Every structure is written in structure tokens, then in C-alpha cells.
N, C-alpha and C. Protein backbone atom coordinates (compact mmCIF):
# COMPACT_ATOMS: atom_id res chain seq x y z
N MET A 1 53.74 -11.90 9.89
CA MET A 1 52.46 -11.09 10.11
C MET A 1 52.16 -9.62 9.71
N GLU A 2 52.60 -8.98 9.45
CA GLU A 2 52.34 -7.80 8.63
C GLU A 2 51.78 -7.97 7.07
N LEU A 3 52.84 -8.78 6.32
CA LEU A 3 52.29 -9.27 5.25
C LEU A 3 50.70 -9.34 5.35
N ILE A 4 49.96 -10.47 6.14
CA ILE A 4 48.75 -11.09 6.35
C ILE A 4 47.40 -9.77 6.55
N VAL A 5 48.10 -8.35 7.49
CA VAL A 5 47.82 -7.91 8.26
C VAL A 5 47.31 -7.09 6.90
N ASN A 6 47.64 -6.83 5.93
CA ASN A 6 48.04 -5.62 5.05
C ASN A 6 47.29 -6.70 3.78
N ILE A 7 47.39 -8.29 3.99
CA ILE A 7 45.96 -8.42 2.84
C ILE A 7 44.93 -8.35 3.29
N ILE A 8 44.31 -8.69 4.06
CA ILE A 8 43.44 -8.56 5.06
C ILE A 8 42.45 -7.24 5.14
N LEU A 9 43.83 -6.20 5.29
CA LEU A 9 42.78 -4.79 4.89
C LEU A 9 42.59 -4.37 3.83
N PHE A 10 43.25 -4.87 3.02
CA PHE A 10 43.24 -4.89 1.69
C PHE A 10 41.82 -5.29 0.80
N LEU A 11 41.11 -6.44 1.47
CA LEU A 11 40.69 -6.80 0.80
C LEU A 11 39.44 -6.96 1.45
N THR A 12 39.59 -6.19 2.95
CA THR A 12 38.53 -5.56 3.70
C THR A 12 38.33 -4.00 3.04
N GLY A 13 38.90 -3.73 2.44
CA GLY A 13 38.78 -2.64 1.77
C GLY A 13 37.58 -2.37 1.00
N LEU A 14 38.60 -3.66 0.12
CA LEU A 14 36.94 -3.87 -1.27
C LEU A 14 36.19 -4.27 -1.29
N ILE A 15 36.26 -5.19 -0.67
CA ILE A 15 34.71 -5.27 -0.27
C ILE A 15 33.59 -4.47 0.12
N LEU A 16 34.09 -3.27 1.12
CA LEU A 16 33.41 -2.78 1.85
C LEU A 16 33.15 -0.96 0.31
N GLY A 17 34.48 -1.23 0.12
CA GLY A 17 34.04 -0.10 -0.93
C GLY A 17 33.19 -0.55 -2.42
N ASN A 18 33.26 -1.95 -2.48
CA ASN A 18 31.80 -2.67 -3.02
C ASN A 18 30.34 -2.76 -2.72
N TRP A 19 30.54 -2.98 -1.42
CA TRP A 19 29.33 -2.53 -0.43
C TRP A 19 28.80 -1.09 -0.91
N LEU A 20 29.65 0.00 -0.54
CA LEU A 20 28.84 1.16 -0.41
C LEU A 20 28.72 1.93 -2.01
N ALA A 21 29.55 1.37 -3.07
CA ALA A 21 29.09 1.64 -4.46
C ALA A 21 27.79 0.78 -4.98
N ILE A 22 27.54 -0.61 -4.60
CA ILE A 22 26.18 -0.89 -4.72
C ILE A 22 25.10 -0.04 -4.22
N GLY A 23 25.20 0.13 -3.06
CA GLY A 23 24.26 1.21 -2.14
C GLY A 23 23.67 2.36 -2.98
N ARG A 24 25.03 3.18 -3.00
CA ARG A 24 24.58 4.52 -4.06
C ARG A 24 24.35 4.02 -5.01
N ASP A 25 24.51 3.21 -5.74
CA ASP A 25 23.87 3.07 -6.74
C ASP A 25 22.45 2.15 -7.17
N LYS A 26 21.99 1.85 -6.37
CA LYS A 26 20.54 1.09 -5.95
C LYS A 26 19.77 2.34 -5.32
N ARG A 27 20.11 3.41 -4.60
CA ARG A 27 19.89 4.89 -4.00
C ARG A 27 19.68 5.88 -5.74
N LYS A 28 20.25 5.89 -6.45
CA LYS A 28 21.07 6.53 -7.47
C LYS A 28 18.96 6.14 -8.29
N GLU A 29 19.03 4.84 -8.69
CA GLU A 29 18.05 3.92 -9.54
C GLU A 29 17.01 4.84 -9.06
N PHE A 30 16.76 4.44 -6.99
CA PHE A 30 15.07 4.46 -6.83
C PHE A 30 14.77 5.61 -7.14
N ASN A 31 15.77 6.95 -6.70
CA ASN A 31 15.54 8.42 -6.77
C ASN A 31 15.12 8.20 -8.49
N GLU A 32 15.71 7.93 -8.84
CA GLU A 32 14.93 8.27 -10.81
C GLU A 32 14.25 7.94 -10.63
N ILE A 33 13.73 6.48 -10.22
CA ILE A 33 12.16 6.19 -10.83
C ILE A 33 11.37 6.85 -9.49
N ALA A 34 11.45 6.94 -8.77
CA ALA A 34 10.55 7.84 -7.63
C ALA A 34 10.31 9.36 -8.03
N ASP A 35 11.43 10.14 -8.84
CA ASP A 35 10.80 11.35 -9.37
C ASP A 35 10.40 11.54 -10.18
N ASP A 36 10.22 10.06 -11.39
CA ASP A 36 9.53 10.41 -12.07
C ASP A 36 7.59 9.93 -11.39
N VAL A 37 7.50 9.24 -11.00
CA VAL A 37 6.36 8.85 -9.69
C VAL A 37 5.78 10.06 -9.29
N HIS A 38 6.59 10.63 -8.77
CA HIS A 38 5.98 11.98 -7.83
C HIS A 38 5.66 12.89 -8.86
N TYR A 39 6.26 12.94 -9.95
CA TYR A 39 5.61 14.08 -10.65
C TYR A 39 4.60 14.06 -11.11
N SER A 40 3.88 12.71 -11.71
CA SER A 40 2.80 12.04 -12.66
C SER A 40 1.90 12.65 -11.26
N LEU A 41 2.49 11.66 -10.01
CA LEU A 41 0.63 12.08 -9.17
C LEU A 41 1.32 13.61 -8.70
N ILE A 42 1.60 14.60 -8.75
CA ILE A 42 1.79 16.19 -8.30
C ILE A 42 0.80 16.32 -9.64
N GLU A 43 0.91 16.35 -10.62
CA GLU A 43 0.34 16.60 -12.18
C GLU A 43 -0.74 16.39 -12.12
N GLN A 44 -0.72 14.78 -11.18
CA GLN A 44 -2.02 14.25 -11.73
C GLN A 44 -3.16 14.91 -10.34
N LYS A 45 -2.86 15.24 -9.16
CA LYS A 45 -3.01 16.10 -7.99
C LYS A 45 -3.77 17.11 -8.64
N ASN A 46 -2.87 18.32 -9.04
CA ASN A 46 -3.11 19.54 -9.52
C ASN A 46 -4.06 19.94 -9.98
N ASP A 47 -4.23 18.47 -10.91
CA ASP A 47 -5.38 18.50 -12.03
C ASP A 47 -6.86 18.46 -11.34
N ILE A 48 -6.62 17.64 -10.85
CA ILE A 48 -7.63 17.27 -9.59
C ILE A 48 -8.64 18.19 -9.59
N GLU A 49 -7.47 18.99 -8.23
CA GLU A 49 -7.64 20.34 -6.92
C GLU A 49 -8.54 21.33 -8.41
N LYS A 50 -8.18 21.33 -9.43
CA LYS A 50 -8.43 22.45 -10.64
C LYS A 50 -9.48 22.02 -11.24
N GLY A 51 -10.28 20.88 -10.79
CA GLY A 51 -11.47 20.57 -11.12
C GLY A 51 -11.48 20.04 -12.51
N ARG A 52 -11.14 19.55 -13.15
CA ARG A 52 -10.37 19.32 -14.42
C ARG A 52 -10.60 17.59 -14.41
N ALA A 53 -10.76 17.47 -15.96
CA ALA A 53 -11.48 16.14 -16.80
C ALA A 53 -10.12 14.56 -16.25
N VAL A 54 -10.46 13.57 -15.32
CA VAL A 54 -9.96 12.60 -15.04
C VAL A 54 -8.72 12.37 -15.97
N LYS A 55 -7.54 12.74 -15.43
CA LYS A 55 -6.29 12.39 -16.06
C LYS A 55 -5.18 11.46 -15.46
N ARG A 56 -4.71 10.42 -16.69
CA ARG A 56 -4.30 9.35 -15.91
C ARG A 56 -2.95 9.83 -14.77
N GLY A 57 -2.53 9.18 -13.99
CA GLY A 57 -1.42 9.06 -13.33
C GLY A 57 0.24 8.53 -13.24
N PRO A 58 0.75 7.97 -12.91
CA PRO A 58 2.02 7.51 -13.15
C PRO A 58 1.38 5.58 -14.36
N GLU A 59 2.34 5.45 -14.49
CA GLU A 59 1.95 4.66 -15.40
C GLU A 59 2.34 3.12 -14.98
N ASP A 60 1.70 2.34 -15.07
CA ASP A 60 2.21 1.05 -14.39
C ASP A 60 3.13 0.16 -14.27
N LYS A 61 4.68 0.78 -15.47
CA LYS A 61 5.79 0.52 -15.64
C LYS A 61 6.10 0.70 -14.48
N GLU A 62 5.93 2.40 -14.34
CA GLU A 62 6.57 2.58 -13.71
C GLU A 62 6.50 2.71 -12.23
N ILE A 63 5.44 1.95 -11.59
CA ILE A 63 4.74 1.91 -10.42
C ILE A 63 5.49 0.59 -9.71
N GLU A 64 5.90 -0.15 -11.19
CA GLU A 64 6.43 -1.50 -10.71
C GLU A 64 7.70 -1.44 -10.27
N ASN A 65 8.34 -0.73 -11.75
CA ASN A 65 9.96 -0.64 -10.66
C ASN A 65 9.55 0.22 -9.62
N LEU A 66 9.18 1.19 -9.60
CA LEU A 66 9.03 1.64 -7.78
C LEU A 66 8.95 0.71 -7.04
N LYS A 67 8.23 -0.04 -7.18
CA LYS A 67 8.25 -1.31 -6.12
C LYS A 67 8.78 -2.23 -6.39
N ARG A 68 9.64 -2.47 -7.26
CA ARG A 68 10.62 -3.48 -7.32
C ARG A 68 11.52 -2.89 -6.41
N ARG A 69 11.58 -1.71 -6.74
CA ARG A 69 13.31 -1.06 -6.29
C ARG A 69 13.39 -0.27 -4.68
N MET A 70 11.77 -0.90 -3.70
CA MET A 70 11.44 -0.62 -2.40
C MET A 70 11.92 -1.32 -1.71
N PRO A 71 12.61 -0.88 -0.26
CA PRO A 71 12.82 -1.54 0.42
C PRO A 71 11.91 -2.32 1.06
N PHE A 72 12.17 -4.01 1.57
CA PHE A 72 11.60 -4.75 1.58
C PHE A 72 10.51 -4.22 3.04
N TYR A 73 10.91 -3.47 4.00
CA TYR A 73 10.06 -3.90 4.51
C TYR A 73 8.89 -2.14 4.50
N LYS A 74 9.13 -1.69 3.24
CA LYS A 74 8.24 -0.57 2.63
C LYS A 74 6.90 -0.97 2.06
N LYS A 75 7.50 -2.23 1.74
CA LYS A 75 6.52 -2.48 0.29
C LYS A 75 5.41 -3.44 0.62
N LYS A 76 4.54 -3.98 2.26
CA LYS A 76 3.34 -4.25 2.68
C LYS A 76 2.67 -2.74 2.45
N SER A 77 3.15 -1.89 3.11
CA SER A 77 2.37 -0.90 3.32
C SER A 77 2.26 0.14 2.06
N PHE A 78 3.32 -0.21 1.41
CA PHE A 78 3.16 0.79 -0.15
C PHE A 78 2.05 0.11 -1.16
N GLU A 79 1.99 -1.33 -1.52
CA GLU A 79 0.50 -1.72 -1.85
C GLU A 79 -0.58 -1.94 -1.66
N LYS A 80 -0.82 -1.46 0.14
CA LYS A 80 -1.31 -1.04 0.13
C LYS A 80 -1.90 0.49 -0.35
N SER A 81 -1.08 1.09 -0.10
CA SER A 81 -1.78 2.48 -0.27
C SER A 81 -1.67 2.61 -2.07
N LEU A 82 -1.01 1.41 -2.52
CA LEU A 82 -1.64 1.46 -4.47
C LEU A 82 -2.95 1.15 -4.25
N ARG A 83 -3.33 -0.14 -3.92
CA ARG A 83 -4.41 -0.27 -3.89
C ARG A 83 -5.83 0.59 -3.65
N ASN A 84 -5.02 1.08 -2.86
CA ASN A 84 -6.65 2.43 -2.07
C ASN A 84 -6.11 3.00 -3.40
N TYR A 85 -5.27 3.47 -4.70
CA TYR A 85 -5.18 4.73 -5.11
C TYR A 85 -5.78 4.15 -6.26
N LEU A 86 -5.05 2.77 -6.73
CA LEU A 86 -6.16 2.52 -7.94
C LEU A 86 -8.17 2.21 -7.73
N ARG A 87 -8.55 1.89 -6.06
CA ARG A 87 -9.54 1.41 -6.29
C ARG A 87 -10.22 3.28 -6.05
N ALA A 88 -9.68 4.46 -6.00
CA ALA A 88 -10.26 5.78 -5.50
C ALA A 88 -9.84 6.13 -7.68
N THR A 89 -9.02 5.46 -7.41
CA THR A 89 -9.49 6.58 -9.34
C THR A 89 -9.74 5.25 -10.65
N SER A 90 -10.05 4.01 -9.92
CA SER A 90 -11.13 3.39 -10.81
C SER A 90 -12.22 3.91 -11.32
N ASN A 91 -12.70 3.40 -12.76
CA ASN A 91 -13.99 4.13 -12.88
C ASN A 91 -15.21 3.92 -12.69
N GLU A 92 -15.23 3.68 -11.30
CA GLU A 92 -16.40 3.68 -10.72
C GLU A 92 -16.54 4.81 -9.72
N ASN A 93 -15.71 5.37 -9.41
CA ASN A 93 -15.50 6.96 -8.82
C ASN A 93 -15.45 8.14 -10.06
N TRP A 94 -16.09 7.49 -11.58
CA TRP A 94 -15.85 8.88 -12.50
C TRP A 94 -17.30 9.25 -12.63
N LYS A 95 -17.49 10.53 -12.92
CA LYS A 95 -18.60 10.88 -13.22
C LYS A 95 -18.46 11.70 -14.92
N ARG A 96 -19.41 11.62 -15.85
CA ARG A 96 -19.53 12.40 -16.41
C ARG A 96 -20.56 13.59 -16.92
N ASP A 97 -20.15 14.36 -17.56
CA ASP A 97 -21.06 15.85 -16.94
C ASP A 97 -21.62 16.06 -18.67
N GLY A 98 -22.90 17.09 -18.55
CA GLY A 98 -23.23 17.13 -20.16
C GLY A 98 -22.52 16.96 -21.09
N TYR A 99 -21.16 17.06 -21.32
CA TYR A 99 -20.83 17.60 -22.37
C TYR A 99 -19.66 16.42 -23.10
N GLY A 100 -19.45 15.35 -21.55
CA GLY A 100 -19.22 14.03 -21.92
C GLY A 100 -17.45 13.85 -21.24
N ASP A 101 -17.43 14.74 -20.65
CA ASP A 101 -15.92 14.94 -19.81
C ASP A 101 -16.72 14.35 -18.38
N THR A 102 -15.59 13.64 -18.09
CA THR A 102 -15.57 12.72 -17.09
C THR A 102 -14.14 13.59 -15.47
N SER A 103 -14.78 13.19 -14.42
CA SER A 103 -14.14 14.17 -13.43
C SER A 103 -14.65 12.54 -11.86
N TYR A 104 -13.69 12.81 -11.56
CA TYR A 104 -14.26 11.83 -9.86
C TYR A 104 -15.78 12.74 -8.87
N GLU A 105 -16.07 11.82 -9.07
CA GLU A 105 -17.30 12.00 -7.70
C GLU A 105 -16.79 12.39 -6.37
N ASP A 106 -15.69 11.62 -5.79
CA ASP A 106 -14.50 12.04 -4.83
C ASP A 106 -14.13 11.95 -4.88
N SER A 107 -13.47 13.37 -5.40
CA SER A 107 -12.30 13.99 -5.56
C SER A 107 -11.39 13.92 -4.60
N GLN A 108 -12.10 14.17 -3.50
CA GLN A 108 -10.98 14.13 -2.12
C GLN A 108 -9.92 12.85 -1.65
N LYS A 109 -10.89 11.87 -1.97
CA LYS A 109 -10.64 10.50 -1.48
C LYS A 109 -9.70 9.97 -2.55
N VAL A 110 -9.50 10.77 -3.93
CA VAL A 110 -8.35 10.69 -4.88
C VAL A 110 -7.33 11.55 -4.28
N ILE A 111 -7.10 12.48 -4.21
CA ILE A 111 -6.25 13.18 -3.51
C ILE A 111 -5.44 12.30 -2.02
N ASP A 112 -6.44 12.31 -1.14
CA ASP A 112 -6.05 11.87 -0.45
C ASP A 112 -4.93 10.07 -0.43
N SER A 113 -5.53 9.45 -1.48
CA SER A 113 -4.62 8.51 -1.61
C SER A 113 -3.49 9.01 -2.83
N ILE A 114 -3.35 10.14 -3.73
CA ILE A 114 -2.33 10.47 -4.39
C ILE A 114 -1.29 10.97 -3.40
N ASN A 115 -1.78 11.63 -1.85
CA ASN A 115 -1.07 11.55 -0.86
C ASN A 115 -0.24 10.50 0.02
N GLU A 116 -1.10 9.78 0.50
CA GLU A 116 -0.57 8.59 0.53
C GLU A 116 0.95 7.95 -0.30
N LEU A 117 0.47 7.74 -1.26
CA LEU A 117 1.76 7.20 -2.64
C LEU A 117 2.88 8.20 -2.69
N ILE A 118 2.73 9.45 -2.35
CA ILE A 118 3.63 10.08 -2.47
C ILE A 118 4.58 10.32 -1.32
N GLN A 119 4.28 10.19 0.12
CA GLN A 119 5.38 9.77 0.65
C GLN A 119 6.13 8.63 0.56
N PHE A 120 5.86 7.65 -0.41
CA PHE A 120 6.94 6.77 -0.87
C PHE A 120 7.77 7.32 -1.79
N THR A 121 7.15 7.93 -2.60
CA THR A 121 8.64 8.85 -3.46
C THR A 121 9.78 9.41 -3.29
N SER A 122 9.30 10.08 -1.70
CA SER A 122 10.83 10.88 -1.04
C SER A 122 12.05 10.26 -1.55
N ARG A 123 12.64 11.35 -1.56
CA ARG A 123 14.38 11.01 -2.52
C ARG A 123 15.29 10.19 -1.04
N LYS A 124 15.95 9.72 -1.11
CA LYS A 124 17.09 8.96 -0.14
C LYS A 124 18.59 9.33 -0.79
């Protein structure tokens, strides 16, 4: 009887340890990707606030990687915020000055959509 209990405890420890290690690896992957997206969004937001020309935000690959590692219960709201961001940063919201430089017509709309996305990049 004691041998069976020891085997069950050993197997339970293996399974639990493996499960915790997988969770730690997932958090690490998410944080690495979220940090890159967060930095790109902050950089874009700062440039917009300074009135600079249109600057590209995070790459599509980074956004897709973040979305793939997002918990299932946050994906729907993330996709909604992403659609708002893409709509706000589309060329329909651009204006050109006399020198040919582009900026956003409604920069506050872009900043608000960036702030929405930044909420999804907080570290775990």
C-alpha cells in the first residue's frame, strides 16, 4: 500500500511540475512578444503627440504573434481594439502638408486606440 501511495505522489508531482513549467514558458513567450508590441506602440504614440509625420506601429507579425498567445477570454476584446487601431491609423485618417509630409487628421483618435491596445500588453 505504501508503495502505491508513493508512486501516485511521484506521478502527481511530475504532472504538476510539468504543468507549472508549461505555464511559466507560456508567460515568458507572451511577455517577450508583448514587450516588443508595447515598445512600438509607445514609440508611435510619442511621435504622434509630438506632431511628427505618420510612423508605423508594430509589425503585423508581432500583432499576430501576440494574438496567438493571448488567453481565449481576451481575444474578442483584443480583436475589437485592433480593428479600432487599424481604422484609426489607416490612410483615410492621413493628411498631407505643403511639404508632402503626412500626419493624422484626428491624432487623438489614434492615441486613444493605441491606449486601448497598450492595455493588452501588460506583463504577466
